[in-house]
PDB file of N, CA and C in Angstrom:
ATOM      1  N   MET A   1      68.582 106.531  79.550  1.00  0.00           N
ATOM      2  CA  MET A   1      68.842 106.440  78.070  1.00  0.00           C
ATOM      3  C   MET A   1      69.045 107.905  77.554  1.00  0.00           C
ATOM      4  N   ALA A   2      70.031 108.033  76.723  1.00  0.00           N
ATOM      5  CA  ALA A   2      70.353 109.338  76.143  1.00  0.00           C
ATOM      6  C   ALA A   2      69.263 109.750  75.229  1.00  0.00           C
ATOM      7  N   THR A   3      69.029 111.056  75.247  1.00  0.00           N
ATOM      8  CA  THR A   3      68.044 111.649  74.285  1.00  0.00           C
ATOM      9  C   THR A   3      68.735 111.909  73.003  1.00  0.00           C
ATOM     10  N   GLU A   4      68.019 112.122  71.959  1.00  0.00           N
ATOM     11  CA  GLU A   4      68.548 112.518  70.618  1.00  0.00           C
ATOM     12  C   GLU A   4      69.374 113.829  70.738  1.00  0.00           C
ATOM     13  N   GLU A   5      68.740 114.749  71.487  1.00  0.00           N
ATOM     14  CA  GLU A   5      69.406 116.056  71.656  1.00  0.00           C
ATOM     15  C   GLU A   5      70.721 116.002  72.420  1.00  0.00           C
ATOM     16  N   HIS A   6      70.716 115.155  73.452  1.00  0.00           N
ATOM     17  CA  HIS A   6      71.986 114.934  74.191  1.00  0.00           C
ATOM     18  C   HIS A   6      73.033 114.320  73.275  1.00  0.00           C
ATOM     19  N   ALA A   7      72.611 113.311  72.521  1.00  0.00           N
ATOM     20  CA  ALA A   7      73.578 112.599  71.625  1.00  0.00           C
ATOM     21  C   ALA A   7      74.091 113.599  70.627  1.00  0.00           C
ATOM     22  N   ARG A   8      73.328 114.439  70.008  1.00  0.00           N
ATOM     23  CA  ARG A   8      73.773 115.377  69.047  1.00  0.00           C
ATOM     24  C   ARG A   8      74.700 116.367  69.686  1.00  0.00           C
ATOM     25  N   ARG A   9      74.393 116.860  70.875  1.00  0.00           N
ATOM     26  CA  ARG A   9      75.295 117.796  71.531  1.00  0.00           C
ATOM     27  C   ARG A   9      76.704 117.162  71.827  1.00  0.00           C
ATOM     28  N   GLN A  10      76.709 115.990  72.297  1.00  0.00           N
ATOM     29  CA  GLN A  10      77.931 115.341  72.673  1.00  0.00           C
ATOM     30  C   GLN A  10      78.764 115.033  71.412  1.00  0.00           C
ATOM     31  N   SER A  11      78.056 114.609  70.385  1.00  0.00           N
ATOM     32  CA  SER A  11      78.768 114.352  69.165  1.00  0.00           C
ATOM     33  C   SER A  11      79.437 115.611  68.550  1.00  0.00           C
ATOM     34  N   ASN A  12      78.665 116.686  68.559  1.00  0.00           N
ATOM     35  CA  ASN A  12      79.227 117.954  68.075  1.00  0.00           C
ATOM     36  C   ASN A  12      80.389 118.428  68.970  1.00  0.00           C
ATOM     37  N   GLU A  13      80.297 118.170  70.226  1.00  0.00           N
ATOM     38  CA  GLU A  13      81.442 118.575  71.181  1.00  0.00           C
ATOM     39  C   GLU A  13      82.698 117.847  70.837  1.00  0.00           C
ATOM     40  N   ILE A  14      82.557 116.515  70.581  1.00  0.00           N
ATOM     41  CA  ILE A  14      83.794 115.737  70.329  1.00  0.00           C
ATOM     42  C   ILE A  14      84.325 115.962  68.940  1.00  0.00           C
ATOM     43  N   ASP A  15      83.382 116.174  67.952  1.00  0.00           N
ATOM     44  CA  ASP A  15      83.772 116.378  66.491  1.00  0.00           C
ATOM     45  C   ASP A  15      84.465 117.725  66.352  1.00  0.00           C
ATOM     46  N   ALA A  16      85.710 117.872  66.716  1.00  0.00           N
ATOM     47  CA  ALA A  16      86.425 119.096  66.740  1.00  0.00           C
ATOM     48  C   ALA A  16      86.405 119.853  65.434  1.00  0.00           C
ATOM     49  N   ASP A  17      86.580 119.152  64.252  1.00  0.00           N
ATOM     50  CA  ASP A  17      86.625 119.870  63.021  1.00  0.00           C
ATOM     51  C   ASP A  17      85.248 120.107  62.366  1.00  0.00           C
ATOM     52  N   GLY A  18      84.196 119.579  63.051  1.00  0.00           N
ATOM     53  CA  GLY A  18      82.831 119.845  62.591  1.00  0.00           C
ATOM     54  C   GLY A  18      82.424 119.198  61.196  1.00  0.00           C
ATOM     55  N   ASP A  19      83.200 118.120  60.883  1.00  0.00           N
ATOM     56  CA  ASP A  19      82.811 117.492  59.579  1.00  0.00           C
ATOM     57  C   ASP A  19      81.693 116.454  59.649  1.00  0.00           C
ATOM     58  N   GLY A  20      81.154 116.311  60.826  1.00  0.00           N
ATOM     59  CA  GLY A  20      80.081 115.252  60.982  1.00  0.00           C
ATOM     60  C   GLY A  20      80.458 113.889  61.415  1.00  0.00           C
ATOM     61  N   PHE A  21      81.830 113.750  61.562  1.00  0.00           N
ATOM     62  CA  PHE A  21      82.377 112.406  61.894  1.00  0.00           C
ATOM     63  C   PHE A  21      83.404 112.577  63.019  1.00  0.00           C
ATOM     64  N   ILE A  22      83.483 111.555  63.964  1.00  0.00           N
ATOM     65  CA  ILE A  22      84.419 111.646  65.055  1.00  0.00           C
ATOM     66  C   ILE A  22      85.558 110.715  64.622  1.00  0.00           C
ATOM     67  N   THR A  23      86.785 111.254  64.677  1.00  0.00           N
ATOM     68  CA  THR A  23      87.989 110.482  64.331  1.00  0.00           C
ATOM     69  C   THR A  23      88.586 109.883  65.619  1.00  0.00           C
ATOM     70  N   ALA A  24      89.477 108.995  65.478  1.00  0.00           N
ATOM     71  CA  ALA A  24      90.092 108.429  66.669  1.00  0.00           C
ATOM     72  C   ALA A  24      90.827 109.508  67.384  1.00  0.00           C
ATOM     73  N   SER A  25      91.544 110.400  66.759  1.00  0.00           N
ATOM     74  CA  SER A  25      92.254 111.470  67.471  1.00  0.00           C
ATOM     75  C   SER A  25      91.239 112.429  68.191  1.00  0.00           C
ATOM     76  N   GLU A  26      90.133 112.725  67.559  1.00  0.00           N
ATOM     77  CA  GLU A  26      89.140 113.561  68.283  1.00  0.00           C
ATOM     78  C   GLU A  26      88.597 112.932  69.498  1.00  0.00           C
ATOM     79  N   LEU A  27      88.301 111.652  69.409  1.00  0.00           N
ATOM     80  CA  LEU A  27      87.714 110.866  70.554  1.00  0.00           C
ATOM     81  C   LEU A  27      88.799 110.820  71.646  1.00  0.00           C
ATOM     82  N   LYS A  28      90.022 110.498  71.236  1.00  0.00           N
ATOM     83  CA  LYS A  28      91.180 110.356  72.264  1.00  0.00           C
ATOM     84  C   LYS A  28      91.338 111.686  72.934  1.00  0.00           C
ATOM     85  N   SER A  29      91.360 112.748  72.193  1.00  0.00           N
ATOM     86  CA  SER A  29      91.511 114.100  72.883  1.00  0.00           C
ATOM     87  C   SER A  29      90.398 114.400  73.823  1.00  0.00           C
ATOM     88  N   HIS A  30      89.228 114.050  73.475  1.00  0.00           N
ATOM     89  CA  HIS A  30      88.080 114.323  74.418  1.00  0.00           C
ATOM     90  C   HIS A  30      88.033 113.349  75.619  1.00  0.00           C
ATOM     91  N   LEU A  31      88.378 112.129  75.378  1.00  0.00           N
ATOM     92  CA  LEU A  31      88.384 111.139  76.550  1.00  0.00           C
ATOM     93  C   LEU A  31      89.619 111.416  77.499  1.00  0.00           C
ATOM     94  N   GLN A  32      90.689 111.887  76.971  1.00  0.00           N
ATOM     95  CA  GLN A  32      91.886 112.133  77.801  1.00  0.00           C
ATOM     96  C   GLN A  32      91.847 113.389  78.616  1.00  0.00           C
ATOM     97  N   GLU A  33      90.627 114.061  78.476  1.00  0.00           N
ATOM     98  CA  GLU A  33      90.455 115.149  79.485  1.00  0.00           C
ATOM     99  C   GLU A  33      90.298 114.594  80.935  1.00  0.00           C
ATOM    100  N   ASN A  34      90.002 113.289  80.953  1.00  0.00           N
ATOM    101  CA  ASN A  34      90.037 112.547  82.209  1.00  0.00           C
ATOM    102  C   ASN A  34      91.391 111.805  82.217  1.00  0.00           C
ATOM    103  N   PRO A  35      92.194 112.215  83.292  1.00  0.00           N
ATOM    104  CA  PRO A  35      93.485 111.625  83.333  1.00  0.00           C
ATOM    105  C   PRO A  35      93.561 110.124  83.479  1.00  0.00           C
ATOM    106  N   ALA A  36      92.481 109.522  83.903  1.00  0.00           N
ATOM    107  CA  ALA A  36      92.469 108.092  84.116  1.00  0.00           C
ATOM    108  C   ALA A  36      92.363 107.244  82.796  1.00  0.00           C
ATOM    109  N   VAL A  37      92.066 108.000  81.660  1.00  0.00           N
ATOM    110  CA  VAL A  37      91.896 107.371  80.425  1.00  0.00           C
ATOM    111  C   VAL A  37      93.186 107.325  79.608  1.00  0.00           C
ATOM    112  N   SER A  38      93.654 106.058  79.331  1.00  0.00           N
ATOM    113  CA  SER A  38      94.986 105.961  78.636  1.00  0.00           C
ATOM    114  C   SER A  38      94.696 105.916  77.151  1.00  0.00           C
ATOM    115  N   ASP A  39      95.852 105.927  76.402  1.00  0.00           N
ATOM    116  CA  ASP A  39      95.757 105.794  74.886  1.00  0.00           C
ATOM    117  C   ASP A  39      95.025 104.463  74.520  1.00  0.00           C
ATOM    118  N   ALA A  40      95.341 103.395  75.247  1.00  0.00           N
ATOM    119  CA  ALA A  40      94.724 102.054  75.003  1.00  0.00           C
ATOM    120  C   ALA A  40      93.225 102.140  75.204  1.00  0.00           C
ATOM    121  N   ASN A  41      92.786 102.768  76.350  1.00  0.00           N
ATOM    122  CA  ASN A  41      91.414 102.899  76.664  1.00  0.00           C
ATOM    123  C   ASN A  41      90.673 103.682  75.533  1.00  0.00           C
ATOM    124  N   ALA A  42      91.296 104.805  75.095  1.00  0.00           N
ATOM    125  CA  ALA A  42      90.701 105.578  73.996  1.00  0.00           C
ATOM    126  C   ALA A  42      90.529 104.739  72.713  1.00  0.00           C
ATOM    127  N   ALA A  43      91.583 104.008  72.411  1.00  0.00           N
ATOM    128  CA  ALA A  43      91.609 103.233  71.177  1.00  0.00           C
ATOM    129  C   ALA A  43      90.529 102.094  71.319  1.00  0.00           C
ATOM    130  N   GLN A  44      90.396 101.489  72.383  1.00  0.00           N
ATOM    131  CA  GLN A  44      89.384 100.436  72.606  1.00  0.00           C
ATOM    132  C   GLN A  44      87.982 101.052  72.482  1.00  0.00           C
ATOM    133  N   THR A  45      87.763 102.156  73.091  1.00  0.00           N
ATOM    134  CA  THR A  45      86.443 102.835  72.992  1.00  0.00           C
ATOM    135  C   THR A  45      86.137 103.176  71.580  1.00  0.00           C
ATOM    136  N   PHE A  46      87.106 103.711  70.861  1.00  0.00           N
ATOM    137  CA  PHE A  46      86.869 104.047  69.378  1.00  0.00           C
ATOM    138  C   PHE A  46      86.573 102.833  68.619  1.00  0.00           C
ATOM    139  N   ALA A  47      87.179 101.771  68.840  1.00  0.00           N
ATOM    140  CA  ALA A  47      86.962 100.504  68.082  1.00  0.00           C
ATOM    141  C   ALA A  47      85.577  99.949  68.341  1.00  0.00           C
ATOM    142  N   PHE A  48      85.094 100.121  69.620  1.00  0.00           N
ATOM    143  CA  PHE A  48      83.737  99.649  69.903  1.00  0.00           C
ATOM    144  C   PHE A  48      82.690 100.528  69.314  1.00  0.00           C
ATOM    145  N   ALA A  49      82.904 101.834  69.314  1.00  0.00           N
ATOM    146  CA  ALA A  49      81.884 102.742  68.744  1.00  0.00           C
ATOM    147  C   ALA A  49      81.887 102.760  67.241  1.00  0.00           C
ATOM    148  N   ASP A  50      82.969 102.465  66.567  1.00  0.00           N
ATOM    149  CA  ASP A  50      83.113 102.503  65.112  1.00  0.00           C
ATOM    150  C   ASP A  50      82.541 101.171  64.578  1.00  0.00           C
ATOM    151  N   ALA A  51      81.279 100.988  64.638  1.00  0.00           N
ATOM    152  CA  ALA A  51      80.598  99.733  64.264  1.00  0.00           C
ATOM    153  C   ALA A  51      80.889  99.237  62.931  1.00  0.00           C
ATOM    154  N   ASP A  52      81.074 100.059  61.919  1.00  0.00           N
ATOM    155  CA  ASP A  52      81.339  99.606  60.557  1.00  0.00           C
ATOM    156  C   ASP A  52      82.810  99.610  60.207  1.00  0.00           C
ATOM    157  N   ASN A  53      83.602  99.870  61.237  1.00  0.00           N
ATOM    158  CA  ASN A  53      85.057  99.874  61.066  1.00  0.00           C
ATOM    159  C   ASN A  53      85.623 100.629  59.889  1.00  0.00           C
ATOM    160  N   ASP A  54      85.081 101.765  59.656  1.00  0.00           N
ATOM    161  CA  ASP A  54      85.602 102.690  58.566  1.00  0.00           C
ATOM    162  C   ASP A  54      86.550 103.745  59.017  1.00  0.00           C
ATOM    163  N   GLN A  55      86.970 103.607  60.296  1.00  0.00           N
ATOM    164  CA  GLN A  55      88.000 104.590  60.897  1.00  0.00           C
ATOM    165  C   GLN A  55      87.375 105.946  61.215  1.00  0.00           C
ATOM    166  N   GLU A  56      86.064 106.026  61.286  1.00  0.00           N
ATOM    167  CA  GLU A  56      85.477 107.266  61.808  1.00  0.00           C
ATOM    168  C   GLU A  56      84.073 106.838  62.376  1.00  0.00           C
ATOM    169  N   ILE A  57      83.645 107.634  63.354  1.00  0.00           N
ATOM    170  CA  ILE A  57      82.364 107.324  63.993  1.00  0.00           C
ATOM    171  C   ILE A  57      81.326 108.324  63.421  1.00  0.00           C
ATOM    172  N   SER A  58      80.333 107.797  62.741  1.00  0.00           N
ATOM    173  CA  SER A  58      79.207 108.659  62.264  1.00  0.00           C
ATOM    174  C   SER A  58      78.340 109.020  63.442  1.00  0.00           C
ATOM    175  N   TYR A  59      77.470 109.996  63.180  1.00  0.00           N
ATOM    176  CA  TYR A  59      76.499 110.404  64.241  1.00  0.00           C
ATOM    177  C   TYR A  59      75.699 109.211  64.623  1.00  0.00           C
ATOM    178  N   ASP A  60      75.144 108.422  63.676  1.00  0.00           N
ATOM    179  CA  ASP A  60      74.364 107.258  64.040  1.00  0.00           C
ATOM    180  C   ASP A  60      75.065 106.249  64.882  1.00  0.00           C
ATOM    181  N   GLU A  61      76.338 106.011  64.528  1.00  0.00           N
ATOM    182  CA  GLU A  61      77.169 105.069  65.379  1.00  0.00           C
ATOM    183  C   GLU A  61      77.295 105.635  66.797  1.00  0.00           C
ATOM    184  N   PHE A  62      77.576 106.928  66.898  1.00  0.00           N
ATOM    185  CA  PHE A  62      77.764 107.534  68.155  1.00  0.00           C
ATOM    186  C   PHE A  62      76.533 107.490  68.965  1.00  0.00           C
ATOM    187  N   ARG A  63      75.380 107.772  68.348  1.00  0.00           N
ATOM    188  CA  ARG A  63      74.111 107.781  69.040  1.00  0.00           C
ATOM    189  C   ARG A  63      73.817 106.387  69.545  1.00  0.00           C
ATOM    190  N   ASP A  64      74.064 105.406  68.732  1.00  0.00           N
ATOM    191  CA  ASP A  64      73.804 103.960  69.180  1.00  0.00           C
ATOM    192  C   ASP A  64      74.790 103.648  70.301  1.00  0.00           C
ATOM    193  N   PHE A  65      76.010 104.037  70.226  1.00  0.00           N
ATOM    194  CA  PHE A  65      76.968 103.765  71.279  1.00  0.00           C
ATOM    195  C   PHE A  65      76.544 104.334  72.587  1.00  0.00           C
ATOM    196  N   ILE A  66      76.070 105.607  72.648  1.00  0.00           N
ATOM    197  CA  ILE A  66      75.746 106.123  73.961  1.00  0.00           C
ATOM    198  C   ILE A  66      74.394 105.580  74.444  1.00  0.00           C
ATOM    199  N   ARG A  67      73.560 105.164  73.434  1.00  0.00           N
ATOM    200  CA  ARG A  67      72.267 104.541  73.887  1.00  0.00           C
ATOM    201  C   ARG A  67      72.528 103.224  74.634  1.00  0.00           C
ATOM    202  N   GLN A  68      73.606 102.591  74.368  1.00  0.00           N
ATOM    203  CA  GLN A  68      74.075 101.336  74.946  1.00  0.00           C
ATOM    204  C   GLN A  68      74.587 101.580  76.378  1.00  0.00           C
ATOM    205  N   GLY A  69      74.724 102.818  76.782  1.00  0.00           N
ATOM    206  CA  GLY A  69      75.197 103.057  78.124  1.00  0.00           C
ATOM    207  C   GLY A  69      76.745 103.081  78.198  1.00  0.00           C
ATOM    208  N   PHE A  70      77.423 103.378  77.112  1.00  0.00           N
ATOM    209  CA  PHE A  70      78.825 103.558  77.063  1.00  0.00           C
ATOM    210  C   PHE A  70      79.589 102.293  77.448  1.00  0.00           C
ATOM    211  N   PRO A  71      79.213 101.158  76.939  1.00  0.00           N
ATOM    212  CA  PRO A  71      79.871  99.907  77.336  1.00  0.00           C
ATOM    213  C   PRO A  71      81.392  99.898  77.015  1.00  0.00           C
ATOM    214  N   GLY A  72      81.747 100.535  75.901  1.00  0.00           N
ATOM    215  CA  GLY A  72      83.259 100.562  75.580  1.00  0.00           C
ATOM    216  C   GLY A  72      84.012 101.434  76.607  1.00  0.00           C
ATOM    217  N   VAL A  73      83.383 102.526  77.055  1.00  0.00           N
ATOM    218  CA  VAL A  73      83.995 103.387  77.995  1.00  0.00           C
ATOM    219  C   VAL A  73      84.145 102.716  79.336  1.00  0.00           C
ATOM    220  N   ALA A  74      83.070 101.964  79.720  1.00  0.00           N
ATOM    221  CA  ALA A  74      83.106 101.253  80.957  1.00  0.00           C
ATOM    222  C   ALA A  74      84.160 100.191  80.928  1.00  0.00           C
ATOM    223  N   ARG A  75      84.270  99.449  79.870  1.00  0.00           N
ATOM    224  CA  ARG A  75      85.253  98.350  79.723  1.00  0.00           C
ATOM    225  C   ARG A  75      86.672  98.974  79.730  1.00  0.00           C
ATOM    226  N   ALA A  76      86.858 100.090  79.068  1.00  0.00           N
ATOM    227  CA  ALA A  76      88.123 100.743  79.029  1.00  0.00           C
ATOM    228  C   ALA A  76      88.558 101.148  80.420  1.00  0.00           C
ATOM    229  N   ALA A  77      87.591 101.562  81.192  1.00  0.00           N
ATOM    230  CA  ALA A  77      87.892 102.038  82.611  1.00  0.00           C
ATOM    231  C   ALA A  77      87.997 100.903  83.556  1.00  0.00           C
ATOM    232  N   GLY A  78      87.827  99.622  83.088  1.00  0.00           N
ATOM    233  CA  GLY A  78      87.988  98.482  83.899  1.00  0.00           C
ATOM    234  C   GLY A  78      86.715  98.177  84.733  1.00  0.00           C
ATOM    235  N   LEU A  79      85.643  98.803  84.280  1.00  0.00           N
ATOM    236  CA  LEU A  79      84.264  98.628  85.012  1.00  0.00           C
ATOM    237  C   LEU A  79      83.423  97.667  84.218  1.00  0.00           C
ATOM    238  N   PRO A  80      82.490  96.958  84.922  1.00  0.00           N
ATOM    239  CA  PRO A  80      81.666  96.087  84.182  1.00  0.00           C
ATOM    240  C   PRO A  80      80.783  96.889  83.241  1.00  0.00           C
ATOM    241  N   ALA A  81      80.563  96.412  82.059  1.00  0.00           N
ATOM    242  CA  ALA A  81      79.730  97.127  81.049  1.00  0.00           C
ATOM    243  C   ALA A  81      78.267  97.036  81.520  1.00  0.00           C
ATOM    244  N   PRO A  82      77.471  98.067  81.255  1.00  0.00           N
ATOM    245  CA  PRO A  82      76.061  98.028  81.553  1.00  0.00           C
ATOM    246  C   PRO A  82      75.456  96.952  80.760  1.00  0.00           C
ATOM    247  N   ARG A  83      74.372  96.397  81.225  1.00  0.00           N
ATOM    248  CA  ARG A  83      73.584  95.421  80.481  1.00  0.00           C
ATOM    249  C   ARG A  83      72.841  96.042  79.360  1.00  0.00           C
ATOM    250  N   PRO A  84      72.786  95.446  78.233  1.00  0.00           N
ATOM    251  CA  PRO A  84      72.005  96.060  77.134  1.00  0.00           C
ATOM    252  C   PRO A  84      70.533  95.997  77.514  1.00  0.00           C
ATOM    253  N   PRO A  85      69.762  96.877  76.954  1.00  0.00           N
ATOM    254  CA  PRO A  85      68.244  96.757  77.183  1.00  0.00           C
ATOM    255  C   PRO A  85      67.753  95.458  76.675  1.00  0.00           C
ATOM    256  N   ALA A  86      66.707  94.956  77.345  1.00  0.00           N
ATOM    257  CA  ALA A  86      66.041  93.784  76.898  1.00  0.00           C
ATOM    258  C   ALA A  86      65.276  93.996  75.648  1.00  0.00           C
ATOM    259  N   ARG A  87      65.351  93.066  74.743  1.00  0.00           N
ATOM    260  CA  ARG A  87      64.670  93.237  73.431  1.00  0.00           C
ATOM    261  C   ARG A  87      63.607  92.266  73.330  1.00  0.00           C
ATOM    262  N   CYS A  88      62.508  92.734  72.782  1.00  0.00           N
ATOM    263  CA  CYS A  88      61.327  91.833  72.532  1.00  0.00           C
ATOM    264  C   CYS A  88      61.572  91.031  71.321  1.00  0.00           C
ATOM    265  N   SER A  89      61.098  89.805  71.355  1.00  0.00           N
ATOM    266  CA  SER A  89      61.181  88.856  70.247  1.00  0.00           C
ATOM    267  C   SER A  89      60.006  87.968  70.244  1.00  0.00           C
ATOM    268  N   ALA A  90      59.535  87.696  69.022  1.00  0.00           N
ATOM    269  CA  ALA A  90      58.327  86.883  68.832  1.00  0.00           C
ATOM    270  C   ALA A  90      58.699  85.475  69.361  1.00  0.00           C
ATOM    271  N   ALA A  91      60.049  85.076  69.255  1.00  0.00           N
ATOM    272  CA  ALA A  91      60.467  83.797  69.615  1.00  0.00           C
ATOM    273  C   ALA A  91      60.711  83.647  71.172  1.00  0.00           C
ATOM    274  N   ALA A  92      60.736  84.756  71.813  1.00  0.00           N
ATOM    275  CA  ALA A  92      61.032  84.689  73.263  1.00  0.00           C
ATOM    276  C   ALA A  92      59.862  84.249  74.088  1.00  0.00           C
ATOM    277  N   PRO A  93      60.037  83.357  75.053  1.00  0.00           N
ATOM    278  CA  PRO A  93      58.937  82.898  75.835  1.00  0.00           C
ATOM    279  C   PRO A  93      58.379  83.969  76.670  1.00  0.00           C
ATOM    280  N   PRO A  94      57.191  83.949  77.071  1.00  0.00           N
ATOM    281  CA  PRO A  94      56.552  84.931  77.940  1.00  0.00           C
ATOM    282  C   PRO A  94      57.313  85.009  79.293  1.00  0.00           C
ATOM    283  N   SER A  95      57.307  86.152  79.868  1.00  0.00           N
ATOM    284  CA  SER A  95      57.925  86.279  81.238  1.00  0.00           C
ATOM    285  C   SER A  95      57.443  85.255  82.158  1.00  0.00           C
ATOM    286  N   GLY A  96      58.298  84.582  82.846  1.00  0.00           N
ATOM    287  CA  GLY A  96      57.894  83.600  83.800  1.00  0.00           C
ATOM    288  C   GLY A  96      57.746  82.219  83.209  1.00  0.00           C
ATOM    289  N   ALA A  97      57.778  82.033  81.879  1.00  0.00           N
ATOM    290  CA  ALA A  97      57.669  80.736  81.226  1.00  0.00           C
ATOM    291  C   ALA A  97      58.927  79.928  81.469  1.00  0.00           C
ATOM    292  N   LYS A  98      58.711  78.618  81.654  1.00  0.00           N
ATOM    293  CA  LYS A  98      59.827  77.765  81.814  1.00  0.00           C
ATOM    294  C   LYS A  98      60.401  77.248  80.501  1.00  0.00           C
ATOM    295  N   HIS A  99      61.690  77.177  80.378  1.00  0.00           N
ATOM    296  CA  HIS A  99      62.294  76.615  79.198  1.00  0.00           C
ATOM    297  C   HIS A  99      62.384  75.061  79.376  1.00  0.00           C
ATOM    298  N   GLY A 100      62.233  74.453  78.339  1.00  0.00           N
ATOM    299  CA  GLY A 100      62.333  73.079  78.614  1.00  0.00           C
ATOM    300  C   GLY A 100      62.410  72.065  77.468  1.00  0.00           C
TER     301      GLY A 100
END
């Protein structure tokens, strides 16, 4: 899992103009440093990370995106997305309990 410090460093690296938000063009430019990443891959990754669909990725959105293990990047590269971490729920049966 990414640390807060790692998330902040990565966000600042991608945010080329330093305004605190990552635009589609900034993310595309960063991702396309890898020649295997296409325009479509970059657009798909941006859409996944931009949780509130406001056409920019806030730091909080970016942090949450990388904490999920980069599922949009994995999907864009044609790889299976990592499984999200298990979440506890009062409604969830105890481990090993049978559903029925």
